[in-house]
Protein backbone atom coordinates (compact mmCIF):
# COMPACT_ATOMS: atom_id res chain seq x y z
CA MET A 1 0.00 0.00 0.00
CA PHE A 2 1.29 3.45 -0.90
CA ILE A 3 0.71 6.00 1.88
CA ASP A 4 2.02 9.53 1.36
CA GLU A 5 0.55 11.34 4.38
CA ALA A 6 0.78 10.57 8.08
CA THR A 7 0.64 12.24 11.47
CA LEU A 8 2.54 11.19 14.55
CA ARG A 9 3.27 12.36 18.08
CA VAL A 10 6.84 12.47 19.25
CA ARG A 11 8.19 13.08 22.72
CA GLY A 12 11.73 13.44 23.97
CA GLY A 13 12.70 11.34 26.97
CA LYS A 14 12.32 12.81 30.45
CA GLY A 15 15.53 13.80 32.18
CA GLY A 16 16.57 11.74 35.16
CA ASN A 17 16.11 13.07 38.70
CA GLY A 18 19.03 14.43 40.68
CA CYS A 19 20.13 12.57 43.81
CA CYS A 20 20.35 13.85 47.38
CA ALA A 21 23.15 11.94 49.11
CA PHE A 22 26.09 12.51 51.46
CA ARG A 23 29.50 10.97 51.55
CA ARG A 24 29.68 8.32 54.25
CA GLU A 25 33.09 6.80 54.87
CA LYS A 26 34.98 5.62 57.90
CA TYR A 27 36.98 8.39 59.51
CA VAL A 28 35.15 10.96 57.38
CA PRO A 29 32.33 12.09 59.67
CA ARG A 30 31.34 15.05 57.54
CA GLY A 31 31.97 13.98 53.98
CA GLY A 32 29.64 16.52 52.46
CA PRO A 33 27.08 16.21 49.68
CA ASP A 34 27.83 13.83 46.79
CA GLY A 35 24.47 13.35 45.03
CA GLY A 36 24.93 13.11 41.26
CA SER A 37 22.80 14.76 38.59
CA GLY A 38 20.29 12.88 36.44
CA GLY A 39 21.08 11.93 32.86
CA HIS A 40 19.55 13.81 29.95
CA GLY A 41 16.58 12.23 28.17
CA GLY A 42 17.01 10.92 24.65
CA SER A 43 15.88 13.00 21.67
CA VAL A 44 13.74 12.02 18.68
CA TYR A 45 15.08 12.35 15.14
CA LEU A 46 13.56 11.73 11.72
CA ARG A 47 15.96 10.32 9.13
CA ALA A 48 15.62 9.82 5.37
CA ASN A 49 16.12 6.16 4.49
CA SER A 50 16.45 5.26 0.81
CA ASN A 51 15.17 1.73 1.53
CA LEU A 52 11.70 3.13 2.23
CA ALA A 53 9.23 4.33 -0.39
CA THR A 54 6.07 4.96 1.64
CA LEU A 55 4.88 6.22 5.02
CA MET A 56 2.82 3.10 5.66
CA ASP A 57 4.73 2.15 8.83
CA ILE A 58 4.17 5.50 10.57
CA PRO A 59 0.49 5.07 11.63
CA ALA A 60 1.30 1.79 13.40
CA ARG A 61 2.19 3.65 16.65
CA THR A 62 0.43 6.61 18.17
CA LEU A 63 3.36 7.95 20.21
CA TYR A 64 7.09 7.77 19.55
CA GLU A 65 9.02 8.48 22.76
CA ALA A 66 12.76 8.43 23.35
CA GLU A 67 14.28 6.75 26.40
CA LYS A 68 14.26 8.50 29.77
CA GLY A 69 17.47 9.56 31.45
CA GLY A 70 18.68 7.63 34.48
CA SER A 71 18.55 9.15 37.95
CA GLY A 72 21.72 10.40 39.64
CA LEU A 73 23.35 8.30 42.35
CA GLY A 74 25.53 8.81 45.36
CA LYS A 75 29.29 9.21 45.10
CA ASN A 76 28.58 12.00 42.62
CA MET A 77 27.57 9.57 39.88
CA THR A 78 25.60 11.08 37.00
CA GLY A 79 22.70 9.07 35.65
CA ARG A 80 22.92 7.47 32.22
CA SER A 81 21.61 9.55 29.32
CA GLY A 82 18.61 8.10 27.50
CA ARG A 83 19.07 6.63 24.02
CA ASP A 84 17.94 8.74 21.11
CA LEU A 85 15.07 7.47 18.95
CA VAL A 86 15.54 7.63 15.17
CA ILE A 87 12.47 7.21 12.97
CA ASP A 88 13.16 6.35 9.34
CA VAL A 89 11.06 7.93 6.59
CA PRO A 90 11.41 7.91 2.78
CA PRO A 91 13.51 10.58 1.07
CA GLY A 92 11.22 13.38 -0.06
CA THR A 93 9.33 13.63 3.24
CA LEU A 94 8.23 17.11 4.29
CA ILE A 95 7.91 17.54 8.08
CA ARG A 96 5.52 20.11 9.49
CA ASP A 97 4.66 21.06 13.09
CA LEU A 98 0.88 20.72 13.34
CA ALA A 99 0.54 23.27 16.16
CA THR A 100 2.40 26.10 14.43
CA GLY A 101 2.26 25.07 10.78
CA MET A 102 6.03 25.61 10.58
CA ILE A 103 8.02 23.40 8.21
CA LEU A 104 10.80 21.79 10.22
CA ARG A 105 12.69 20.16 7.35
CA ASP A 106 12.32 18.76 3.88
CA LEU A 107 14.32 15.51 3.91
CA THR A 108 15.47 15.04 0.32
CA GLN A 109 18.87 13.34 0.70
CA PRO A 110 19.31 9.77 2.03
CA GLY A 111 20.86 9.85 5.49
CA GLU A 112 19.74 13.42 6.19
CA GLN A 113 18.08 13.78 9.59
CA VAL A 114 16.39 16.41 11.72
CA LEU A 115 15.80 16.79 15.47
CA VAL A 116 12.04 16.92 16.08
CA ALA A 117 11.78 16.49 19.88
CA GLN A 118 14.56 17.48 22.29
CA GLY A 119 15.12 15.28 25.33
CA GLY A 120 14.63 16.74 28.79
CA ARG A 121 17.55 18.00 30.86
CA GLY A 122 18.61 15.91 33.84
CA GLY A 123 17.95 17.29 37.30
CA ARG A 124 20.85 18.47 39.44
CA GLY A 125 21.96 16.50 42.48
CA ASN A 126 22.59 18.14 45.83
CA LYS A 127 26.34 18.25 45.09
CA SER A 128 25.54 21.00 42.54
CA TYR A 129 23.87 23.13 45.25
CA ALA A 130 26.84 23.19 47.62
CA THR A 131 28.26 26.66 48.31
CA ALA A 132 30.62 28.23 50.78
CA THR A 133 27.67 29.18 52.99
CA ASN A 134 25.54 26.09 52.34
CA ARG A 135 27.93 23.18 52.62
CA ALA A 136 25.33 20.47 53.30
CA PRO A 137 22.37 21.19 50.93
CA ARG A 138 19.48 18.76 50.98
CA THR A 139 18.07 20.04 47.75
CA CYS A 140 17.98 18.13 44.49
CA GLU A 141 16.16 18.73 41.24
CA LYS A 142 13.72 16.64 39.26
CA GLY A 143 14.43 15.95 35.60
CA CYS A 144 12.72 18.11 32.97
CA PRO A 145 10.13 16.57 30.67
CA GLY A 146 11.10 16.09 27.04
CA GLU A 147 9.73 18.23 24.23
CA GLU A 148 6.48 16.93 22.73
CA ARG A 149 5.17 17.63 19.25
CA GLU A 150 2.54 16.46 16.82
CA LEU A 151 3.89 16.27 13.29
CA ALA A 152 2.36 16.06 9.85
CA LEU A 153 4.41 14.14 7.30
CA GLU A 154 3.90 14.61 3.58
CA LEU A 155 5.76 12.50 1.06
CA LYS A 156 6.59 13.90 -2.37
CA LEU A 157 8.21 11.40 -4.69
CA ILE A 158 11.64 12.30 -6.02
CA ALA A 159 12.00 11.41 -9.71
CA ASP A 160 13.62 12.80 -12.84
CA ILE A 161 10.49 12.50 -14.96
CA GLY A 162 6.78 12.47 -14.11
CA LEU A 163 4.32 10.81 -16.50
CA VAL A 164 1.03 12.70 -16.59
CA GLY A 165 -2.09 12.35 -18.67
CA LEU A 166 -5.77 11.52 -18.63
CA PRO A 167 -6.89 8.08 -17.42
CA ASN A 168 -6.17 5.30 -19.94
CA ALA A 169 -3.60 7.38 -21.85
CA GLY A 170 -1.14 4.48 -21.54
CA LYS A 171 1.20 5.76 -18.83
CA SER A 172 1.43 2.46 -16.97
CA THR A 173 2.06 0.51 -20.18
CA LEU A 174 4.80 2.98 -21.08
CA LEU A 175 6.47 2.67 -17.66
CA SER A 176 6.37 -1.13 -17.83
CA HIS A 177 8.11 -1.12 -21.22
CA ILE A 178 10.89 1.37 -20.43
CA SER A 179 11.71 0.03 -16.94
CA ASP A 180 11.43 -3.04 -14.74
CA ALA A 181 8.40 -1.64 -12.92
CA HIS A 182 5.22 -3.71 -13.01
CA PRO A 183 2.26 -1.38 -12.52
CA LYS A 184 -1.28 -2.68 -12.87
CA ILE A 185 -2.49 -2.38 -16.47
CA ALA A 186 -6.09 -2.75 -17.65
CA ASP A 187 -8.50 -1.23 -20.15
CA TYR A 188 -10.50 0.93 -17.74
CA PRO A 189 -9.97 4.34 -16.11
CA PHE A 190 -8.00 4.76 -12.87
CA THR A 191 -6.17 1.45 -13.13
CA THR A 192 -3.26 3.16 -11.35
CA LEU A 193 -4.36 4.22 -7.88
CA ASP A 194 -0.88 4.74 -6.42
CA PRO A 195 2.21 6.43 -7.86
CA GLN A 196 4.69 3.96 -9.33
CA LEU A 197 8.44 4.40 -9.75
CA GLY A 198 10.62 2.80 -12.38
CA ILE A 199 14.22 3.17 -13.55
CA ALA A 200 14.82 3.51 -17.29
CA GLU A 201 18.25 3.22 -18.90
CA ILE A 202 19.34 5.07 -22.04
CA ASP A 203 22.92 5.23 -23.29
CA ASP A 204 24.32 4.04 -19.93
CA ARG A 205 22.34 6.62 -17.96
CA ARG A 206 19.71 5.71 -15.37
CA ILE A 207 16.58 7.87 -15.22
CA VAL A 208 13.96 7.62 -12.46
CA VAL A 209 10.43 7.80 -13.90
CA ALA A 210 7.22 8.23 -11.87
CA ASP A 211 3.86 7.07 -13.23
CA LEU A 212 1.14 9.12 -11.55
CA PRO A 213 -2.56 8.27 -11.45
CA GLY A 214 -4.62 9.75 -14.28
CA LEU A 215 -5.75 13.35 -13.91
CA ILE A 216 -9.16 14.71 -14.87
CA GLU A 217 -10.60 18.17 -15.21
CA GLY A 218 -10.86 19.72 -11.75
CA ALA A 219 -7.96 17.63 -10.39
CA HIS A 220 -6.37 20.69 -8.74
CA ALA A 221 -9.51 21.05 -6.60
CA GLY A 222 -9.57 17.40 -5.58
CA HIS A 223 -11.73 15.88 -8.31
CA GLY A 224 -10.89 12.30 -9.12
CA LEU A 225 -7.54 11.50 -7.57
CA GLY A 226 -6.09 14.91 -8.48
CA ASP A 227 -4.71 16.87 -5.55
CA GLU A 228 -3.74 13.62 -3.82
CA PHE A 229 -1.00 13.14 -6.41
CA LEU A 230 -0.27 16.48 -8.07
CA ARG A 231 2.23 17.24 -5.32
CA HIS A 232 4.39 14.32 -6.47
CA ILE A 233 5.01 16.09 -9.79
CA GLU A 234 6.54 19.04 -7.89
CA ARG A 235 9.72 17.02 -7.24
CA THR A 236 10.24 15.99 -10.86
CA ARG A 237 12.64 17.88 -13.11
CA LEU A 238 10.75 17.13 -16.31
CA ILE A 239 7.14 16.31 -17.22
CA CYS A 240 6.18 13.84 -19.92
CA HIS A 241 2.61 14.32 -21.19
CA VAL A 242 1.26 10.99 -22.43
CA LEU A 243 -1.58 11.51 -24.92
CA ASP A 244 -3.96 8.94 -26.36
CA MET A 245 -3.79 9.71 -30.08
CA ALA A 246 -6.75 7.49 -30.96
CA PRO A 247 -9.30 8.00 -28.15
CA ILE A 248 -12.49 5.97 -28.33
CA ALA A 249 -14.68 8.07 -26.07
CA GLY A 250 -12.41 10.68 -24.50
CA PRO A 251 -11.40 14.15 -25.72
CA ALA A 252 -9.25 14.74 -28.76
CA PRO A 253 -5.48 14.68 -28.07
CA LEU A 254 -5.10 18.46 -28.27
CA ASP A 255 -8.02 18.98 -25.88
CA ALA A 256 -6.59 16.38 -23.51
CA TYR A 257 -3.24 18.19 -23.55
CA ARG A 258 -4.94 21.51 -22.72
CA VAL A 259 -6.94 19.96 -19.87
CA ILE A 260 -3.76 18.66 -18.20
CA ARG A 261 -1.84 21.90 -18.78
CA ASN A 262 -4.68 23.88 -17.24
CA GLU A 263 -4.80 21.63 -14.16
CA LEU A 264 -1.05 22.01 -13.64
CA GLN A 265 -1.37 25.79 -13.97
CA LEU A 266 -4.25 25.99 -11.49
CA TYR A 267 -2.38 23.83 -8.98
CA SER A 268 0.96 25.67 -9.16
CA ASP A 269 2.60 28.22 -11.44
CA ALA A 270 5.95 26.60 -10.78
CA LEU A 271 4.55 23.24 -11.88
CA ALA A 272 3.22 24.70 -15.12
CA ARG A 273 6.63 26.23 -15.88
CA LYS A 274 8.46 22.90 -15.73
CA PRO A 275 9.86 21.77 -19.10
CA HIS A 276 7.87 19.02 -20.76
CA VAL A 277 7.85 16.55 -23.63
CA VAL A 278 4.75 15.11 -25.30
CA ALA A 279 4.58 11.35 -25.88
CA ALA A 280 2.00 10.81 -28.63
CA ASN A 281 0.90 7.29 -27.71
CA LYS A 282 -1.05 4.53 -29.52
CA MET A 283 0.37 5.43 -32.92
CA ASP A 284 -0.15 1.82 -34.00
CA ILE A 285 -3.86 2.66 -34.47
CA PRO A 286 -4.62 4.03 -37.99
CA GLU A 287 -6.69 7.04 -36.85
CA ALA A 288 -3.76 8.36 -34.80
CA ALA A 289 -1.79 9.73 -37.77
CA ALA A 290 -4.28 12.53 -38.56
CA ASN A 291 -4.44 13.53 -34.88
CA LEU A 292 -0.64 13.68 -34.73
CA ARG A 293 -0.48 16.08 -37.67
CA ALA A 294 -3.03 18.36 -36.00
CA LEU A 295 -1.09 18.20 -32.73
CA ARG A 296 2.22 19.14 -34.37
CA ARG A 297 0.57 22.14 -36.05
CA ALA A 298 -0.86 23.41 -32.74
CA LEU A 299 2.04 22.86 -30.32
CA ARG A 300 5.60 24.15 -30.19
CA VAL A 301 6.98 21.58 -27.76
CA PRO A 302 8.96 18.37 -28.37
CA ILE A 303 6.57 15.64 -29.57
CA VAL A 304 7.64 12.02 -29.96
CA SER A 305 5.29 9.50 -31.59
CA ILE A 306 5.24 6.15 -29.81
CA SER A 307 3.25 3.01 -29.23
CA ALA A 308 3.79 1.81 -25.68
CA ALA A 309 2.03 -1.46 -26.50
CA THR A 310 4.31 -2.42 -29.43
CA GLY A 311 7.49 -0.61 -28.36
CA GLN A 312 7.49 1.73 -31.35
CA GLY A 313 9.47 4.93 -30.73
CA LEU A 314 10.36 4.20 -27.09
CA ARG A 315 14.12 4.58 -27.60
CA GLU A 316 13.55 7.87 -29.41
CA LEU A 317 11.34 9.03 -26.53
CA LEU A 318 13.99 8.15 -23.94
CA ARG A 319 16.64 10.04 -25.90
CA ALA A 320 14.36 13.08 -26.17
CA LEU A 321 13.73 12.93 -22.43
CA ARG A 322 17.43 12.65 -21.72
CA LYS A 323 18.16 15.62 -23.97
CA GLU A 324 15.61 17.74 -22.11
CA LEU A 325 16.98 16.58 -18.74
CA ASP A 326 20.48 17.60 -19.81
CA SER A 327 19.22 21.05 -20.79
CA CYS A 328 17.44 21.35 -17.42
CA SER A 329 20.71 20.59 -15.63
CA SER A 330 22.82 23.04 -17.62
CA PRO A 331 23.14 26.60 -16.23
């Protein structure tokens, strides 16, 4: 199951209590205070782990709490500090404080981590209260509670290329033919309910491709599966519009292109400004040729004719995508 949103409560460990004790040794009748301080509580961290691809494990626990610090002991012994708690999340996870709405960190690099709940400070033992005028204090301090927060996690897939298009445009078939991914493929709308990632290779270069569920008009406002998945396109460097060039019941290819472009624009100006390539799919069907000519007359963007089902034009498409990626990377 692909889960890209989760909430969780985190709490740093409580600091250990300070100790009130006095030195007691033979021939030392007034040894003085020697109560040690408590150990600090453990802290909670979130860490990006490249072995994870979903937030599905997060809802399994309602509270993530680090270990408490140990209490101080006599002979001026400080309590043991509590162990930190590290929670692994997929790269691309955005962390937000629910109470303030503040973004704490956007974890994009594997191994990157962020402190989300500081452990409590250990309480001072009575040794810490000794002064020249108070040489036998009987005061010690309790440990401080750890910081507690409720967090909202939002996963945005990190990919080089995002495949977008209306339902049944052939995105899943395309991904399955250019990579080792095995998305569900069938002849009905919304076959793909979860984003799928695949790795395509062209001329010894590996390209990460994301197949996103089909968009419909009004997707930016939540219609269909729209706003659930539009955010995943924000991470991609390049957009590949997959168009059905021989639709049976849907809109003409040019209309379908304009629907998707409009939804991207309404969702985010930055998204609409991303470079894109058009994959004119299903060119193995005779009626597609006339639609392709009309599309080329209307658009001034790279258009590659393909048939994901037969493999026609897929290498040319990958090379066009690589060329656009290289131009995105250049200054």
